[in-house]
C-alpha atoms as a PDB file:
ATOM      1  CA  MET A   1     -80.132  29.445  26.718  1.00  0.00           C
ATOM      2  CA  GLY A   2     -80.590  32.371  24.194  1.00  0.00           C
ATOM      3  CA  LEU A   3     -79.198  32.420  20.736  1.00  0.00           C
ATOM      4  CA  LEU A   4     -75.898  34.456  20.380  1.00  0.00           C
ATOM      5  CA  ILE A   5     -75.557  36.589  17.273  1.00  0.00           C
ATOM      6  CA  CYS A   6     -72.010  37.978  16.525  1.00  0.00           C
ATOM      7  CA  LEU A   7     -72.247  41.180  14.535  1.00  0.00           C
ATOM      8  CA  PHE A   8     -69.572  42.183  12.108  1.00  0.00           C
ATOM      9  CA  GLU A   9     -68.231  45.585  12.278  1.00  0.00           C
ATOM     10  CA  ILE A  10     -68.439  47.725   9.181  1.00  0.00           C
ATOM     11  CA  THR A  11     -66.232  50.410   8.029  1.00  0.00           C
ATOM     12  CA  LEU A  12     -66.366  52.538   4.964  1.00  0.00           C
ATOM     13  CA  SER A  13     -63.472  53.632   2.901  1.00  0.00           C
ATOM     14  CA  GLN A  14     -62.980  57.332   2.293  1.00  0.00           C
ATOM     15  CA  ARG A  15     -64.237  56.763  -1.379  1.00  0.00           C
ATOM     16  CA  ALA A  16     -67.336  54.961  -0.090  1.00  0.00           C
ATOM     17  CA  LYS A  17     -68.221  57.527   2.306  1.00  0.00           C
ATOM     18  CA  LYS A  18     -67.695  60.359  -0.169  1.00  0.00           C
ATOM     19  CA  SER A  19     -69.636  58.720  -3.176  1.00  0.00           C
ATOM     20  CA  SER A  20     -72.574  57.577  -0.791  1.00  0.00           C
ATOM     21  CA  LYS A  21     -73.554  61.353  -0.208  1.00  0.00           C
ATOM     22  CA  LYS A  22     -74.526  61.916  -3.790  1.00  0.00           C
ATOM     23  CA  PHE A  23     -77.218  59.243  -3.947  1.00  0.00           C
ATOM     24  CA  PRO A  24     -80.969  60.303  -3.559  1.00  0.00           C
ATOM     25  CA  ASP A  25     -82.648  59.565  -0.268  1.00  0.00           C
ATOM     26  CA  TYR A  26     -84.466  56.406  -1.455  1.00  0.00           C
ATOM     27  CA  GLN A  27     -81.171  54.827  -2.550  1.00  0.00           C
ATOM     28  CA  LYS A  28     -79.369  55.825   0.627  1.00  0.00           C
ATOM     29  CA  HIS A  29     -82.021  54.003   2.595  1.00  0.00           C
ATOM     30  CA  ARG A  30     -81.736  50.839   0.522  1.00  0.00           C
ATOM     31  CA  ILE A  31     -77.849  51.049   1.038  1.00  0.00           C
ATOM     32  CA  ILE A  32     -78.131  51.577   4.813  1.00  0.00           C
ATOM     33  CA  GLU A  33     -80.536  48.683   5.080  1.00  0.00           C
ATOM     34  CA  LEU A  34     -78.097  46.320   3.280  1.00  0.00           C
ATOM     35  CA  LEU A  35     -75.441  47.439   5.829  1.00  0.00           C
ATOM     36  CA  PHE A  36     -77.459  46.354   8.662  1.00  0.00           C
ATOM     37  CA  VAL A  37     -78.191  42.990   7.122  1.00  0.00           C
ATOM     38  CA  LEU A  38     -74.455  42.502   6.417  1.00  0.00           C
ATOM     39  CA  ARG A  39     -73.744  43.168  10.091  1.00  0.00           C
ATOM     40  CA  GLU A  40     -75.488  39.819  10.890  1.00  0.00           C
ATOM     41  CA  ASN A  41     -74.889  37.903   7.434  1.00  0.00           C
ATOM     42  CA  PRO A  42     -71.934  39.145   5.304  1.00  0.00           C
ATOM     43  CA  VAL A  43     -73.133  37.269   2.315  1.00  0.00           C
ATOM     44  CA  PRO A  44     -76.964  37.485   2.374  1.00  0.00           C
ATOM     45  CA  ALA A  45     -77.270  35.997  -1.189  1.00  0.00           C
ATOM     46  CA  GLU A  46     -80.883  34.744  -0.440  1.00  0.00           C
ATOM     47  CA  HIS A  47     -82.172  38.207  -0.054  1.00  0.00           C
ATOM     48  CA  TYR A  48     -79.851  40.475  -2.169  1.00  0.00           C
ATOM     49  CA  ASP A  49     -77.924  40.109  -5.508  1.00  0.00           C
ATOM     50  CA  ILE A  50     -74.483  39.199  -4.004  1.00  0.00           C
ATOM     51  CA  LYS A  51     -71.668  37.914  -6.236  1.00  0.00           C
ATOM     52  CA  LYS A  52     -68.165  36.942  -5.104  1.00  0.00           C
ATOM     53  CA  LEU A  53     -65.482  39.033  -7.112  1.00  0.00           C
ATOM     54  CA  GLN A  54     -63.311  36.704  -9.079  1.00  0.00           C
ATOM     55  CA  GLY A  55     -59.556  37.050  -8.383  1.00  0.00           C
ATOM     56  CA  PHE A  56     -60.102  38.500  -5.060  1.00  0.00           C
ATOM     57  CA  LYS A  57     -60.273  36.844  -1.597  1.00  0.00           C
ATOM     58  CA  ASP A  58     -63.495  37.262   0.246  1.00  0.00           C
ATOM     59  CA  THR A  59     -64.421  40.420  -1.770  1.00  0.00           C
ATOM     60  CA  PHE A  60     -67.959  40.696  -2.834  1.00  0.00           C
ATOM     61  CA  ARG A  61     -70.313  42.836  -4.786  1.00  0.00           C
ATOM     62  CA  ALA A  62     -73.776  43.619  -3.846  1.00  0.00           C
ATOM     63  CA  ARG A  63     -76.187  45.163  -6.470  1.00  0.00           C
ATOM     64  CA  ILE A  64     -78.982  47.570  -5.556  1.00  0.00           C
ATOM     65  CA  GLY A  65     -80.594  48.728  -8.872  1.00  0.00           C
ATOM     66  CA  ASP A  66     -77.755  50.565 -10.717  1.00  0.00           C
ATOM     67  CA  VAL A  67     -75.735  50.997  -7.540  1.00  0.00           C
ATOM     68  CA  ARG A  68     -72.903  48.660  -6.737  1.00  0.00           C
ATOM     69  CA  ILE A  69     -71.428  48.121  -3.245  1.00  0.00           C
ATOM     70  CA  ILE A  70     -68.111  46.243  -3.294  1.00  0.00           C
ATOM     71  CA  TYR A  71     -66.883  45.116   0.007  1.00  0.00           C
ATOM     72  CA  GLU A  72     -64.300  42.602   1.692  1.00  0.00           C
ATOM     73  CA  VAL A  73     -65.014  40.517   4.531  1.00  0.00           C
ATOM     74  CA  PHE A  74     -62.435  39.693   7.189  1.00  0.00           C
ATOM     75  CA  TRP A  75     -63.940  36.641   8.759  1.00  0.00           C
ATOM     76  CA  ASP A  76     -61.376  36.110  11.576  1.00  0.00           C
ATOM     77  CA  ARG A  77     -61.754  39.683  12.776  1.00  0.00           C
ATOM     78  CA  GLN A  78     -65.487  39.767  12.069  1.00  0.00           C
ATOM     79  CA  GLU A  79     -65.047  43.028   9.993  1.00  0.00           C
ATOM     80  CA  ILE A  80     -66.439  44.253   6.712  1.00  0.00           C
ATOM     81  CA  ASN A  81     -64.638  46.954   4.778  1.00  0.00           C
ATOM     82  CA  VAL A  82     -66.800  48.719   2.226  1.00  0.00           C
ATOM     83  CA  LEU A  83     -64.622  49.800  -0.542  1.00  0.00           C
ATOM     84  CA  VAL A  84     -67.032  51.323  -2.986  1.00  0.00           C
ATOM     85  CA  ILE A  85     -70.439  52.681  -3.284  1.00  0.00           C
ATOM     86  CA  GLU A  86     -70.990  53.723  -6.860  1.00  0.00           C
ATOM     87  CA  HIS A  87     -73.064  53.487  -9.885  1.00  0.00           C
ATOM     88  CA  ARG A  88     -72.414  50.700 -12.084  1.00  0.00           C
ATOM     89  CA  GLU A  89     -70.550  52.720 -14.617  1.00  0.00           C
ATOM     90  CA  THR A  90     -67.873  53.873 -12.394  1.00  0.00           C
ATOM     91  CA  ALA A  91     -67.808  51.107  -9.692  1.00  0.00           C
ATOM     92  CA  TYR A  92     -65.071  49.007 -11.267  1.00  0.00           C
ATOM     93  CA  SER A  93     -62.703  51.579 -12.090  1.00  0.00           C
END
């Protein structure tokens, strides 16, 4: 009997889609790599700098250099909604 891996579906908000286009290719590749990892493990804290955002239910921040990816996890539906992909200075506004 094989191992069953349940993948999470990832959606990007309009803000995340728009802002992700402005990053240089090397950062885009790292962001895409993280999104693939999130599909299998929504909180890969052993491989990435991931923190739970205080005051929010199941909302996390991933750090890739000076880029912040803020996303929420819907465990029951196996969905991840990426809210923000921004530089640190503008990610929390």
